[in-house]
Amino acid sequence: MKFILQARKYAQILGCNLSTKVAILASGTGTNAEAVLEYAEAHPEFYQVVGVISNKRDAAVLAKAEKYSMPAIHIPHRDQSEQIQQLEAWSAQWACLAGYMRIVTSDFLRFFFDEERGYARVINIHPSLLPRFPGLDAYGQAFASGESESGITVHLVDEKMDHGPILLQKSFPRNEDDDLEAFMARGRAIENSLYVEALVGLLKGEIQPRAQGKTVARKN
């Protein structure tokens, strides 16, 4: 009890809410999801993860969630109303899309819409410097373009694909001897920490969303 009270006091000083409840939606291996889970376990004063949903029954992220004693549920994307019911049961206040390979519905966004903030409390990570290379295979798109750098974007989610306001971006260079695998590895080394940094910064009020095209990417 003493630890909880101290954590709550620390959170209030930093402008965070200890009761902020975050749900994760993911489709694959769950590396970004695990980063969010790991940080929550180490820093309960910032947020708590209430559960993980995957649209794929065999997704590795479900096993990773169970490692953290976290509710982990398979709900197909076509049953998004069931997803919303589960999120409501968990009293989820934020949704983190972490490799969730589907576009969420307007009903999903309405469930998380915050009138005071003026946006849905849903964030996503995308492996490019948006608005460059939205959609699938962003690493492949960026590599094929021949551009000298690419990056990672964490952004709010709206009804368009990879379109919402940007929270954080971080760039990385393309080296002359890169193949696609090396290029992707350099980007993936950034993803986990950037996602958590954006989530915590947003909850603390230290990060303000910016329209795409108006954020200067930080160098790695």
C-alpha atoms as a PDB file:
ATOM      1  CA  MET A   1       0.000   0.000   0.000  1.00  0.00           C
ATOM      2  CA  LYS A   2       2.848   2.392   0.851  1.00  0.00           C
ATOM      3  CA  PHE A   3       4.398   1.745  -2.599  1.00  0.00           C
ATOM      4  CA  ILE A   4       1.078   2.421  -4.359  1.00  0.00           C
ATOM      5  CA  LEU A   5       0.576   5.706  -2.514  1.00  0.00           C
ATOM      6  CA  GLN A   6       4.122   6.804  -3.296  1.00  0.00           C
ATOM      7  CA  ALA A   7       3.687   5.856  -6.955  1.00  0.00           C
ATOM      8  CA  ARG A   8       0.415   7.760  -7.134  1.00  0.00           C
ATOM      9  CA  LYS A   9       2.023  10.863  -5.588  1.00  0.00           C
ATOM     10  CA  TYR A  10       4.939  10.616  -8.046  1.00  0.00           C
ATOM     11  CA  ALA A  11       2.544  10.239 -10.957  1.00  0.00           C
ATOM     12  CA  GLN A  12       0.573  13.314  -9.905  1.00  0.00           C
ATOM     13  CA  ILE A  13       3.774  15.358  -9.709  1.00  0.00           C
ATOM     14  CA  LEU A  14       4.611  14.285 -13.269  1.00  0.00           C
ATOM     15  CA  GLY A  15       1.120  14.950 -14.542  1.00  0.00           C
ATOM     16  CA  CYS A  16       0.225  11.276 -15.108  1.00  0.00           C
ATOM     17  CA  ASN A  17      -2.778   9.305 -13.971  1.00  0.00           C
ATOM     18  CA  LEU A  18      -2.013   6.043 -12.208  1.00  0.00           C
ATOM     19  CA  SER A  19      -5.409   4.661 -13.230  1.00  0.00           C
ATOM     20  CA  THR A  20      -4.856   5.165 -16.977  1.00  0.00           C
ATOM     21  CA  LYS A  21      -5.816   1.865 -18.552  1.00  0.00           C
ATOM     22  CA  VAL A  22      -4.265   0.829 -21.838  1.00  0.00           C
ATOM     23  CA  ALA A  23      -5.283  -2.062 -24.098  1.00  0.00           C
ATOM     24  CA  ILE A  24      -3.064  -3.456 -26.854  1.00  0.00           C
ATOM     25  CA  LEU A  25      -4.173  -4.773 -30.243  1.00  0.00           C
ATOM     26  CA  ALA A  26      -1.646  -6.719 -32.287  1.00  0.00           C
ATOM     27  CA  SER A  27      -1.528  -9.208 -35.128  1.00  0.00           C
ATOM     28  CA  GLY A  28       1.974 -10.674 -35.083  1.00  0.00           C
ATOM     29  CA  THR A  29       5.040 -11.341 -32.984  1.00  0.00           C
ATOM     30  CA  GLY A  30       4.314  -8.556 -30.510  1.00  0.00           C
ATOM     31  CA  THR A  31       7.733  -6.932 -30.108  1.00  0.00           C
ATOM     32  CA  ASN A  32       6.240  -3.462 -29.754  1.00  0.00           C
ATOM     33  CA  ALA A  33       3.437  -4.829 -27.587  1.00  0.00           C
ATOM     34  CA  GLU A  34       5.999  -6.409 -25.298  1.00  0.00           C
ATOM     35  CA  ALA A  35       7.828  -3.081 -24.979  1.00  0.00           C
ATOM     36  CA  VAL A  36       4.574  -1.461 -23.796  1.00  0.00           C
ATOM     37  CA  LEU A  37       3.958  -4.351 -21.380  1.00  0.00           C
ATOM     38  CA  GLU A  38       7.504  -4.317 -20.053  1.00  0.00           C
ATOM     39  CA  TYR A  39       7.441  -0.596 -19.376  1.00  0.00           C
ATOM     40  CA  ALA A  40       4.086  -0.843 -17.597  1.00  0.00           C
ATOM     41  CA  GLU A  41       5.446  -3.580 -15.352  1.00  0.00           C
ATOM     42  CA  ALA A  42       8.548  -1.547 -14.484  1.00  0.00           C
ATOM     43  CA  HIS A  43       6.744   1.817 -14.165  1.00  0.00           C
ATOM     44  CA  PRO A  44       3.200   1.285 -12.848  1.00  0.00           C
ATOM     45  CA  GLU A  45       2.999   4.970 -11.961  1.00  0.00           C
ATOM     46  CA  PHE A  46       2.474   5.857 -15.627  1.00  0.00           C
ATOM     47  CA  TYR A  47      -0.124   3.415 -16.955  1.00  0.00           C
ATOM     48  CA  GLN A  48      -1.422  -0.123 -16.631  1.00  0.00           C
ATOM     49  CA  VAL A  49      -2.109  -2.563 -19.432  1.00  0.00           C
ATOM     50  CA  VAL A  50      -5.494  -4.210 -18.988  1.00  0.00           C
ATOM     51  CA  GLY A  51      -5.376  -6.763 -21.794  1.00  0.00           C
ATOM     52  CA  VAL A  52      -4.215  -7.778 -25.254  1.00  0.00           C
ATOM     53  CA  ILE A  53      -6.422  -8.581 -28.239  1.00  0.00           C
ATOM     54  CA  SER A  54      -5.221 -10.231 -31.437  1.00  0.00           C
ATOM     55  CA  ASN A  55      -7.211 -10.777 -34.606  1.00  0.00           C
ATOM     56  CA  LYS A  56      -5.070 -13.865 -35.290  1.00  0.00           C
ATOM     57  CA  ARG A  57      -5.568 -16.992 -33.218  1.00  0.00           C
ATOM     58  CA  ASP A  58      -1.943 -18.131 -33.503  1.00  0.00           C
ATOM     59  CA  ALA A  59      -0.265 -14.740 -33.075  1.00  0.00           C
ATOM     60  CA  ALA A  60       2.872 -14.906 -30.928  1.00  0.00           C
ATOM     61  CA  VAL A  61       1.803 -11.750 -29.101  1.00  0.00           C
ATOM     62  CA  LEU A  62      -0.817 -13.750 -27.177  1.00  0.00           C
ATOM     63  CA  ALA A  63       1.855 -15.951 -25.601  1.00  0.00           C
ATOM     64  CA  LYS A  64       3.975 -12.899 -24.789  1.00  0.00           C
ATOM     65  CA  ALA A  65       1.021 -11.286 -23.022  1.00  0.00           C
ATOM     66  CA  GLU A  66       0.497 -14.393 -20.908  1.00  0.00           C
ATOM     67  CA  LYS A  67       4.138 -14.144 -19.814  1.00  0.00           C
ATOM     68  CA  TYR A  68       3.117 -10.909 -18.093  1.00  0.00           C
ATOM     69  CA  SER A  69       0.004 -12.559 -16.596  1.00  0.00           C
ATOM     70  CA  MET A  70      -2.051 -10.371 -18.890  1.00  0.00           C
ATOM     71  CA  PRO A  71      -5.497 -11.283 -20.297  1.00  0.00           C
ATOM     72  CA  ALA A  72      -4.863 -12.279 -23.912  1.00  0.00           C
ATOM     73  CA  ILE A  73      -7.811 -12.879 -26.229  1.00  0.00           C
ATOM     74  CA  HIS A  74      -8.279 -13.782 -29.863  1.00  0.00           C
ATOM     75  CA  ILE A  75     -11.143 -11.849 -31.450  1.00  0.00           C
ATOM     76  CA  PRO A  76     -11.345 -11.793 -35.273  1.00  0.00           C
ATOM     77  CA  HIS A  77     -11.305  -8.375 -36.900  1.00  0.00           C
ATOM     78  CA  ARG A  78     -14.734  -8.952 -38.441  1.00  0.00           C
ATOM     79  CA  ASP A  79     -16.080  -9.073 -34.878  1.00  0.00           C
ATOM     80  CA  GLN A  80     -14.942  -5.562 -33.988  1.00  0.00           C
ATOM     81  CA  SER A  81     -18.142  -4.989 -32.035  1.00  0.00           C
ATOM     82  CA  GLU A  82     -17.031  -7.875 -29.814  1.00  0.00           C
ATOM     83  CA  GLN A  83     -13.629  -6.238 -29.502  1.00  0.00           C
ATOM     84  CA  ILE A  84     -15.300  -3.041 -28.332  1.00  0.00           C
ATOM     85  CA  GLN A  85     -17.373  -4.967 -25.791  1.00  0.00           C
ATOM     86  CA  GLN A  86     -14.195  -6.541 -24.414  1.00  0.00           C
ATOM     87  CA  LEU A  87     -12.425  -3.190 -24.255  1.00  0.00           C
ATOM     88  CA  GLU A  88     -15.385  -1.754 -22.392  1.00  0.00           C
ATOM     89  CA  ALA A  89     -15.300  -4.677 -19.960  1.00  0.00           C
ATOM     90  CA  TRP A  90     -11.647  -3.895 -19.289  1.00  0.00           C
ATOM     91  CA  SER A  91     -12.497  -0.174 -18.893  1.00  0.00           C
ATOM     92  CA  ALA A  92      -9.774   0.586 -21.438  1.00  0.00           C
ATOM     93  CA  GLN A  93      -9.103   4.298 -21.880  1.00  0.00           C
ATOM     94  CA  TRP A  94      -6.420   4.054 -24.566  1.00  0.00           C
ATOM     95  CA  ALA A  95      -5.708   1.568 -27.341  1.00  0.00           C
ATOM     96  CA  CYS A  96      -2.211   0.883 -28.612  1.00  0.00           C
ATOM     97  CA  LEU A  97      -2.118  -0.671 -32.066  1.00  0.00           C
ATOM     98  CA  ALA A  98       1.156  -2.567 -32.118  1.00  0.00           C
ATOM     99  CA  GLY A  99       1.522  -4.288 -35.444  1.00  0.00           C
ATOM    100  CA  TYR A 100      -2.245  -4.536 -35.797  1.00  0.00           C
ATOM    101  CA  MET A 101      -2.641  -5.159 -39.506  1.00  0.00           C
ATOM    102  CA  ARG A 102      -6.199  -3.933 -39.889  1.00  0.00           C
ATOM    103  CA  ILE A 103      -7.953  -0.587 -40.166  1.00  0.00           C
ATOM    104  CA  VAL A 104     -10.156   0.047 -37.140  1.00  0.00           C
ATOM    105  CA  THR A 105     -13.771   1.039 -37.683  1.00  0.00           C
ATOM    106  CA  SER A 106     -15.447   4.369 -36.989  1.00  0.00           C
ATOM    107  CA  ASP A 107     -17.312   2.681 -34.115  1.00  0.00           C
ATOM    108  CA  PHE A 108     -13.969   1.704 -32.586  1.00  0.00           C
ATOM    109  CA  LEU A 109     -12.712   5.279 -32.849  1.00  0.00           C
ATOM    110  CA  ARG A 110     -15.956   6.646 -31.394  1.00  0.00           C
ATOM    111  CA  PHE A 111     -15.542   4.369 -28.388  1.00  0.00           C
ATOM    112  CA  PHE A 112     -12.183   5.988 -27.634  1.00  0.00           C
ATOM    113  CA  PHE A 113     -13.039   9.535 -28.718  1.00  0.00           C
ATOM    114  CA  ASP A 114     -12.072  12.174 -26.167  1.00  0.00           C
ATOM    115  CA  GLU A 115     -14.168  15.343 -26.464  1.00  0.00           C
ATOM    116  CA  GLU A 116     -11.720  17.408 -24.431  1.00  0.00           C
ATOM    117  CA  ARG A 117      -8.683  16.338 -26.441  1.00  0.00           C
ATOM    118  CA  GLY A 118     -10.546  16.355 -29.746  1.00  0.00           C
ATOM    119  CA  TYR A 119      -9.272  12.991 -30.941  1.00  0.00           C
ATOM    120  CA  ALA A 120      -9.627   9.263 -30.353  1.00  0.00           C
ATOM    121  CA  ARG A 121      -7.283   7.850 -27.714  1.00  0.00           C
ATOM    122  CA  VAL A 122      -5.794   5.347 -30.176  1.00  0.00           C
ATOM    123  CA  ILE A 123      -2.147   5.320 -31.221  1.00  0.00           C
ATOM    124  CA  ASN A 124      -0.210   3.369 -33.834  1.00  0.00           C
ATOM    125  CA  ILE A 125       3.374   2.857 -34.937  1.00  0.00           C
ATOM    126  CA  HIS A 126       4.382   2.849 -38.608  1.00  0.00           C
ATOM    127  CA  PRO A 127       7.805   2.057 -40.110  1.00  0.00           C
ATOM    128  CA  SER A 128       8.301   5.144 -42.258  1.00  0.00           C
ATOM    129  CA  LEU A 129       8.473   8.911 -41.925  1.00  0.00           C
ATOM    130  CA  LEU A 130       4.810   9.593 -42.584  1.00  0.00           C
ATOM    131  CA  PRO A 131       3.324  10.931 -44.759  1.00  0.00           C
ATOM    132  CA  ARG A 132       5.948   9.080 -46.833  1.00  0.00           C
ATOM    133  CA  PHE A 133       5.174   5.408 -47.560  1.00  0.00           C
ATOM    134  CA  PRO A 134       1.863   4.715 -45.825  1.00  0.00           C
ATOM    135  CA  GLY A 135       0.244   1.280 -46.022  1.00  0.00           C
ATOM    136  CA  LEU A 136       1.699  -2.198 -46.172  1.00  0.00           C
ATOM    137  CA  ASP A 137       5.387  -3.051 -46.598  1.00  0.00           C
ATOM    138  CA  ALA A 138       6.576   0.428 -45.646  1.00  0.00           C
ATOM    139  CA  TYR A 139      10.136  -0.787 -45.096  1.00  0.00           C
ATOM    140  CA  GLY A 140      10.118  -2.303 -48.573  1.00  0.00           C
ATOM    141  CA  GLN A 141       8.645   0.840 -50.085  1.00  0.00           C
ATOM    142  CA  ALA A 142      11.250   3.055 -48.431  1.00  0.00           C
ATOM    143  CA  PHE A 143      14.138   0.784 -49.376  1.00  0.00           C
ATOM    144  CA  ALA A 144      13.005   0.517 -52.986  1.00  0.00           C
ATOM    145  CA  SER A 145      12.772   4.313 -53.234  1.00  0.00           C
ATOM    146  CA  GLY A 146      16.512   4.660 -52.807  1.00  0.00           C
ATOM    147  CA  GLU A 147      16.108   7.549 -50.355  1.00  0.00           C
ATOM    148  CA  SER A 148      19.084   8.196 -48.094  1.00  0.00           C
ATOM    149  CA  GLU A 149      17.083   7.925 -44.863  1.00  0.00           C
ATOM    150  CA  SER A 150      13.835   6.596 -43.521  1.00  0.00           C
ATOM    151  CA  GLY A 151      12.366   6.389 -40.052  1.00  0.00           C
ATOM    152  CA  ILE A 152       9.630   5.416 -37.631  1.00  0.00           C
ATOM    153  CA  THR A 153       6.440   7.327 -36.821  1.00  0.00           C
ATOM    154  CA  VAL A 154       4.133   7.045 -33.811  1.00  0.00           C
ATOM    155  CA  HIS A 155       0.815   8.732 -34.560  1.00  0.00           C
ATOM    156  CA  LEU A 156      -2.787   9.061 -33.525  1.00  0.00           C
ATOM    157  CA  VAL A 157      -5.278   6.975 -35.480  1.00  0.00           C
ATOM    158  CA  ASP A 158      -8.116   8.404 -37.521  1.00  0.00           C
ATOM    159  CA  GLU A 159     -10.396   6.861 -40.146  1.00  0.00           C
ATOM    160  CA  LYS A 160      -7.773   7.000 -42.910  1.00  0.00           C
ATOM    161  CA  MET A 161      -4.842   4.598 -43.239  1.00  0.00           C
ATOM    162  CA  ASP A 162      -1.663   5.869 -41.519  1.00  0.00           C
ATOM    163  CA  HIS A 163      -3.028   9.391 -41.644  1.00  0.00           C
ATOM    164  CA  GLY A 164      -3.568  10.711 -38.115  1.00  0.00           C
ATOM    165  CA  PRO A 165      -1.582  13.460 -36.349  1.00  0.00           C
ATOM    166  CA  ILE A 166       2.019  12.641 -35.527  1.00  0.00           C
ATOM    167  CA  LEU A 167       3.293  12.237 -31.971  1.00  0.00           C
ATOM    168  CA  LEU A 168       6.944  11.354 -32.538  1.00  0.00           C
ATOM    169  CA  GLN A 169       9.212  10.524 -35.451  1.00  0.00           C
ATOM    170  CA  LYS A 170      12.786   9.308 -35.517  1.00  0.00           C
ATOM    171  CA  SER A 171      14.923   8.871 -38.598  1.00  0.00           C
ATOM    172  CA  PHE A 172      17.686   6.415 -39.452  1.00  0.00           C
ATOM    173  CA  PRO A 173      20.123   6.392 -42.392  1.00  0.00           C
ATOM    174  CA  ARG A 174      20.279   4.014 -45.289  1.00  0.00           C
ATOM    175  CA  ASN A 175      23.872   2.861 -45.695  1.00  0.00           C
ATOM    176  CA  GLU A 176      25.386   2.249 -49.106  1.00  0.00           C
ATOM    177  CA  ASP A 177      25.956  -1.446 -48.413  1.00  0.00           C
ATOM    178  CA  ASP A 178      22.511  -2.069 -46.913  1.00  0.00           C
ATOM    179  CA  ASP A 179      20.325  -4.882 -48.066  1.00  0.00           C
ATOM    180  CA  LEU A 180      16.666  -4.835 -47.100  1.00  0.00           C
ATOM    181  CA  GLU A 181      17.274  -6.993 -44.016  1.00  0.00           C
ATOM    182  CA  ALA A 182      19.954  -4.652 -42.625  1.00  0.00           C
ATOM    183  CA  PHE A 183      17.812  -1.630 -43.418  1.00  0.00           C
ATOM    184  CA  MET A 184      14.822  -3.101 -41.578  1.00  0.00           C
ATOM    185  CA  ALA A 185      16.940  -4.123 -38.593  1.00  0.00           C
ATOM    186  CA  ARG A 186      18.107  -0.533 -38.157  1.00  0.00           C
ATOM    187  CA  GLY A 187      14.513   0.658 -38.103  1.00  0.00           C
ATOM    188  CA  ARG A 188      13.270  -2.052 -35.780  1.00  0.00           C
ATOM    189  CA  ALA A 189      15.968  -1.138 -33.274  1.00  0.00           C
ATOM    190  CA  ILE A 190      14.170   2.202 -32.890  1.00  0.00           C
ATOM    191  CA  GLU A 191      10.552   1.031 -32.779  1.00  0.00           C
ATOM    192  CA  ASN A 192      10.162  -0.266 -29.229  1.00  0.00           C
ATOM    193  CA  SER A 193      11.632   2.679 -27.347  1.00  0.00           C
ATOM    194  CA  LEU A 194       9.979   5.275 -29.595  1.00  0.00           C
ATOM    195  CA  TYR A 195       6.530   3.749 -29.057  1.00  0.00           C
ATOM    196  CA  VAL A 196       6.879   3.831 -25.279  1.00  0.00           C
ATOM    197  CA  GLU A 197       8.368   7.333 -25.349  1.00  0.00           C
ATOM    198  CA  ALA A 198       5.408   8.588 -27.372  1.00  0.00           C
ATOM    199  CA  LEU A 199       2.824   6.877 -25.156  1.00  0.00           C
ATOM    200  CA  VAL A 200       4.290   8.135 -21.889  1.00  0.00           C
ATOM    201  CA  GLY A 201       4.927  11.609 -23.293  1.00  0.00           C
ATOM    202  CA  LEU A 202       1.345  11.864 -24.489  1.00  0.00           C
ATOM    203  CA  LEU A 203      -0.063  10.734 -21.141  1.00  0.00           C
ATOM    204  CA  LYS A 204       2.150  13.246 -19.319  1.00  0.00           C
ATOM    205  CA  GLY A 205       1.076  16.058 -21.633  1.00  0.00           C
ATOM    206  CA  GLU A 206       4.637  16.586 -22.845  1.00  0.00           C
ATOM    207  CA  ILE A 207       3.851  15.664 -26.466  1.00  0.00           C
ATOM    208  CA  GLN A 208       1.249  17.443 -28.565  1.00  0.00           C
ATOM    209  CA  PRO A 209      -0.050  15.889 -31.802  1.00  0.00           C
ATOM    210  CA  ARG A 210       0.992  17.629 -35.018  1.00  0.00           C
ATOM    211  CA  ALA A 211      -0.442  17.351 -38.503  1.00  0.00           C
ATOM    212  CA  GLN A 212       1.507  15.106 -40.820  1.00  0.00           C
ATOM    213  CA  GLY A 213       4.178  16.927 -42.776  1.00  0.00           C
ATOM    214  CA  LYS A 214       4.804  19.432 -39.945  1.00  0.00           C
ATOM    215  CA  THR A 215       6.964  17.317 -37.629  1.00  0.00           C
ATOM    216  CA  VAL A 216      10.740  17.337 -37.977  1.00  0.00           C
ATOM    217  CA  ALA A 217      12.127  13.837 -37.544  1.00  0.00           C
ATOM    218  CA  ARG A 218      14.786  13.391 -34.885  1.00  0.00           C
ATOM    219  CA  LYS A 219      18.021  11.780 -35.918  1.00  0.00           C
ATOM    220  CA  ASN A 220      18.923   8.387 -34.509  1.00  0.00           C
END
